[in-house]
Amino acid sequence: MTEPLFTVNSPCTRPSIAPYCARVKERVSARRFEHIVRVAILTETIAQANRFSESEVRAASLAATLHDVARDMSAAELFELAPPETDLERQHPMSVHGRAGRRVVESWGVTDERVLDAVEGHVFGVSHDNRIGMAVYIADVSEPGRGVNEDIRALAMKNLFWAYQRAVDSKVHYLRSKGKAVHPDTLKVYREICGH
């Protein structure tokens, strides 16, 4: 008898998503997979709280399930799938795992641009009209296992955009407070949604 892979309320229990969950589980550590399942559950909760259509909920759940598929790859593997475009990316190979993840899931036959954009955008952010990408981004930074950003998670149940705005603002301020460079794509999103 095989061990159950997923909790009862996980999107991974659905026939349309379960095969992707199994493939992702083969590619990441057990700890990373636990994070992915929590992100998928939270993304779906956020989507439902914000009255996403059934199609949007399914796309958001799938994107959340796939978002970290490339997170445990080596630098060489990441750069093969997503060659660095900036010095920052060359110095921090993990920064391209969203683009690399998009390539992986494209190779698996995923063609829904909403899903692909959310997988790619969960690292640097998405435009303010990308509800699915915003839900995944928020869930990734605020899932309960991280132990931070409870305020963002709570706000997301009432106002998706405000929660996303706070999440991006928080990320930029955190990186700056640590003296770390902020990726140009994150700064672009930051300026677009925070007006700075």
Protein backbone atom coordinates (compact mmCIF):
# COMPACT_ATOMS: atom_id res chain seq x y z
CA MET A 1 0.00 0.00 0.00
CA THR A 2 1.42 3.37 -0.97
CA GLU A 3 1.49 6.29 1.44
CA PRO A 4 -1.02 9.08 0.80
CA LEU A 5 0.76 11.93 -0.94
CA PHE A 6 -1.66 14.68 -0.13
CA THR A 7 -4.00 15.95 2.55
CA VAL A 8 -7.74 15.67 1.99
CA ASN A 9 -8.23 19.35 1.13
CA SER A 10 -5.21 19.56 -1.16
CA PRO A 11 -5.78 20.36 -4.83
CA CYS A 12 -3.44 17.40 -5.43
CA THR A 13 -6.33 15.04 -4.70
CA ARG A 14 -8.10 16.16 -7.89
CA PRO A 15 -7.72 13.94 -10.96
CA SER A 16 -6.75 16.90 -13.17
CA ILE A 17 -3.92 18.01 -10.85
CA ALA A 18 -2.77 14.75 -9.19
CA PRO A 19 -0.50 13.64 -12.07
CA TYR A 20 1.35 16.97 -11.92
CA CYS A 21 1.69 16.69 -8.14
CA ALA A 22 3.30 13.29 -8.52
CA ARG A 23 5.76 14.63 -11.11
CA VAL A 24 6.65 17.63 -8.96
CA LYS A 25 7.14 15.40 -5.91
CA GLU A 26 9.75 13.39 -7.83
CA ARG A 27 11.78 16.54 -8.55
CA VAL A 28 11.92 18.28 -5.17
CA SER A 29 12.85 17.54 -1.58
CA ALA A 30 10.19 16.34 0.87
CA ARG A 31 10.35 19.66 2.69
CA ARG A 32 9.93 21.62 -0.53
CA PHE A 33 6.98 19.46 -1.52
CA GLU A 34 5.28 20.12 1.83
CA HIS A 35 5.68 23.85 1.11
CA ILE A 36 4.21 23.39 -2.37
CA VAL A 37 1.14 21.60 -1.01
CA ARG A 38 0.60 24.36 1.57
CA VAL A 39 0.93 27.00 -1.15
CA ALA A 40 -1.57 25.13 -3.35
CA ILE A 41 -4.11 24.87 -0.52
CA LEU A 42 -3.71 28.55 0.41
CA THR A 43 -3.84 29.69 -3.22
CA GLU A 44 -7.13 27.90 -3.71
CA THR A 45 -8.50 29.40 -0.48
CA ILE A 46 -7.46 32.90 -1.60
CA ALA A 47 -8.98 32.33 -5.05
CA GLN A 48 -12.30 31.22 -3.59
CA ALA A 49 -12.36 34.10 -1.08
CA ASN A 50 -11.88 36.52 -3.97
CA ARG A 51 -14.65 34.91 -6.05
CA PHE A 52 -12.48 33.56 -8.84
CA SER A 53 -14.39 31.66 -11.51
CA GLU A 54 -14.10 27.84 -11.46
CA SER A 55 -11.67 28.07 -14.38
CA GLU A 56 -9.53 30.59 -12.51
CA VAL A 57 -9.55 28.49 -9.33
CA ARG A 58 -8.37 25.44 -11.29
CA ALA A 59 -5.64 27.44 -13.05
CA ALA A 60 -4.49 29.01 -9.77
CA SER A 61 -4.38 25.61 -8.05
CA LEU A 62 -2.35 24.09 -10.87
CA ALA A 63 0.04 27.04 -11.00
CA ALA A 64 0.60 26.82 -7.23
CA THR A 65 1.26 23.09 -7.52
CA LEU A 66 3.85 23.73 -10.24
CA HIS A 67 5.42 26.96 -8.99
CA ASP A 68 8.56 25.48 -7.38
CA VAL A 69 9.14 22.58 -9.77
CA ALA A 70 12.60 23.95 -10.63
CA ARG A 71 13.51 25.19 -7.13
CA ASP A 72 15.82 22.28 -6.26
CA MET A 73 17.73 22.22 -9.57
CA SER A 74 21.45 22.91 -9.76
CA ALA A 75 22.71 26.23 -11.11
CA ALA A 76 23.81 24.53 -14.32
CA GLU A 77 20.37 22.99 -14.85
CA LEU A 78 18.64 26.28 -14.12
CA PHE A 79 20.86 28.23 -16.50
CA GLU A 80 20.38 25.66 -19.25
CA LEU A 81 16.61 26.16 -19.07
CA ALA A 82 16.69 29.89 -18.29
CA PRO A 83 19.95 31.57 -19.26
CA PRO A 84 20.72 34.53 -16.96
CA GLU A 85 19.73 37.91 -18.34
CA THR A 86 21.41 40.13 -15.74
CA ASP A 87 24.49 40.12 -13.50
CA LEU A 88 22.16 39.66 -10.54
CA GLU A 89 20.81 36.45 -12.07
CA ARG A 90 24.33 35.20 -12.81
CA GLN A 91 25.30 35.82 -9.17
CA HIS A 92 22.08 34.26 -7.82
CA PRO A 93 21.11 31.26 -9.98
CA MET A 94 18.01 30.52 -7.88
CA SER A 95 16.55 33.81 -9.10
CA VAL A 96 15.76 32.17 -12.46
CA HIS A 97 13.83 29.22 -11.02
CA GLY A 98 10.50 30.78 -12.05
CA ARG A 99 11.53 31.03 -15.70
CA ALA A 100 13.10 27.58 -15.55
CA GLY A 101 9.94 26.19 -13.96
CA ARG A 102 7.89 27.62 -16.80
CA ARG A 103 10.09 25.74 -19.30
CA VAL A 104 9.70 22.50 -17.35
CA VAL A 105 5.92 22.66 -17.22
CA GLU A 106 5.74 23.69 -20.87
CA SER A 107 7.67 20.50 -21.65
CA TRP A 108 4.98 18.61 -19.71
CA GLY A 109 2.33 19.96 -22.07
CA VAL A 110 0.93 22.81 -19.95
CA THR A 111 -0.25 25.50 -22.36
CA ASP A 112 -2.53 27.71 -20.21
CA GLU A 113 -0.78 31.10 -20.25
CA ARG A 114 -2.39 31.99 -16.92
CA VAL A 115 -0.64 29.02 -15.32
CA LEU A 116 2.67 29.60 -17.10
CA ASP A 117 2.73 33.30 -16.23
CA ALA A 118 2.01 32.55 -12.57
CA VAL A 119 4.77 29.92 -12.39
CA GLU A 120 7.26 32.34 -13.92
CA GLY A 121 5.98 35.37 -12.01
CA HIS A 122 6.00 33.94 -8.50
CA VAL A 123 9.66 34.98 -8.12
CA PHE A 124 9.69 38.60 -9.30
CA GLY A 125 5.98 39.43 -9.34
CA VAL A 126 3.25 39.83 -11.93
CA SER A 127 1.24 42.73 -13.30
CA HIS A 128 -1.69 43.98 -11.23
CA ASP A 129 -4.24 42.51 -13.64
CA ASN A 130 -2.93 38.94 -13.23
CA ARG A 131 -5.23 37.64 -10.47
CA ILE A 132 -3.96 34.08 -10.67
CA GLY A 133 -0.33 35.19 -10.45
CA MET A 134 -1.11 37.48 -7.52
CA ALA A 135 -2.83 34.65 -5.61
CA VAL A 136 0.16 32.32 -6.11
CA TYR A 137 2.67 35.04 -5.17
CA ILE A 138 0.79 35.89 -1.97
CA ALA A 139 0.36 32.24 -0.99
CA ASP A 140 4.06 31.55 -1.60
CA VAL A 141 5.22 34.33 0.74
CA SER A 142 2.56 33.81 3.40
CA GLU A 143 1.80 30.08 3.65
CA PRO A 144 1.61 29.05 7.31
CA GLY A 145 4.78 26.95 7.25
CA ARG A 146 6.88 30.06 6.71
CA GLY A 147 5.76 31.55 10.02
CA VAL A 148 5.67 35.10 8.60
CA ASN A 149 3.31 37.45 6.78
CA GLU A 150 0.14 36.39 8.57
CA ASP A 151 -1.19 39.91 8.00
CA ILE A 152 -0.77 39.51 4.24
CA ARG A 153 -2.48 36.13 4.32
CA ALA A 154 -5.43 37.55 6.27
CA LEU A 155 -5.71 40.59 4.00
CA ALA A 156 -5.73 38.35 0.92
CA MET A 157 -9.04 36.87 2.06
CA LYS A 158 -10.62 40.33 1.82
CA ASN A 159 -8.72 42.20 -0.89
CA LEU A 160 -6.38 40.42 -3.28
CA PHE A 161 -4.76 43.53 -4.73
CA TRP A 162 -4.03 45.19 -1.38
CA ALA A 163 -2.50 41.97 -0.09
CA TYR A 164 -0.37 41.68 -3.21
CA GLN A 165 0.70 45.30 -2.93
CA ARG A 166 1.74 44.71 0.68
CA ALA A 167 3.59 41.50 -0.25
CA VAL A 168 5.65 43.19 -2.97
CA ASP A 169 6.30 46.25 -0.81
CA SER A 170 7.42 43.99 2.04
CA LYS A 171 9.78 42.03 -0.22
CA VAL A 172 11.44 45.16 -1.62
CA HIS A 173 11.86 46.73 1.82
CA TYR A 174 13.25 43.49 3.24
CA LEU A 175 15.85 43.13 0.48
CA ARG A 176 16.88 46.77 0.78
CA SER A 177 17.13 46.53 4.58
CA LYS A 178 19.54 43.59 4.15
CA GLY A 179 21.60 45.50 1.57
CA LYS A 180 20.60 43.06 -1.16
CA ALA A 181 19.99 43.98 -4.78
CA VAL A 182 16.40 44.03 -5.99
CA HIS A 183 15.80 42.42 -9.38
CA PRO A 184 14.76 44.91 -12.10
CA ASP A 185 11.56 42.94 -12.76
CA THR A 186 10.57 43.17 -9.09
CA LEU A 187 11.31 46.91 -9.12
CA LYS A 188 9.13 47.30 -12.20
CA VAL A 189 6.22 45.55 -10.46
CA TYR A 190 6.90 47.55 -7.28
CA ARG A 191 6.71 50.85 -9.14
CA GLU A 192 3.60 49.76 -11.02
CA ILE A 193 1.58 48.69 -8.00
CA CYS A 194 3.07 50.72 -5.15
CA GLY A 195 3.63 53.95 -7.08
CA HIS A 196 7.28 54.35 -6.02
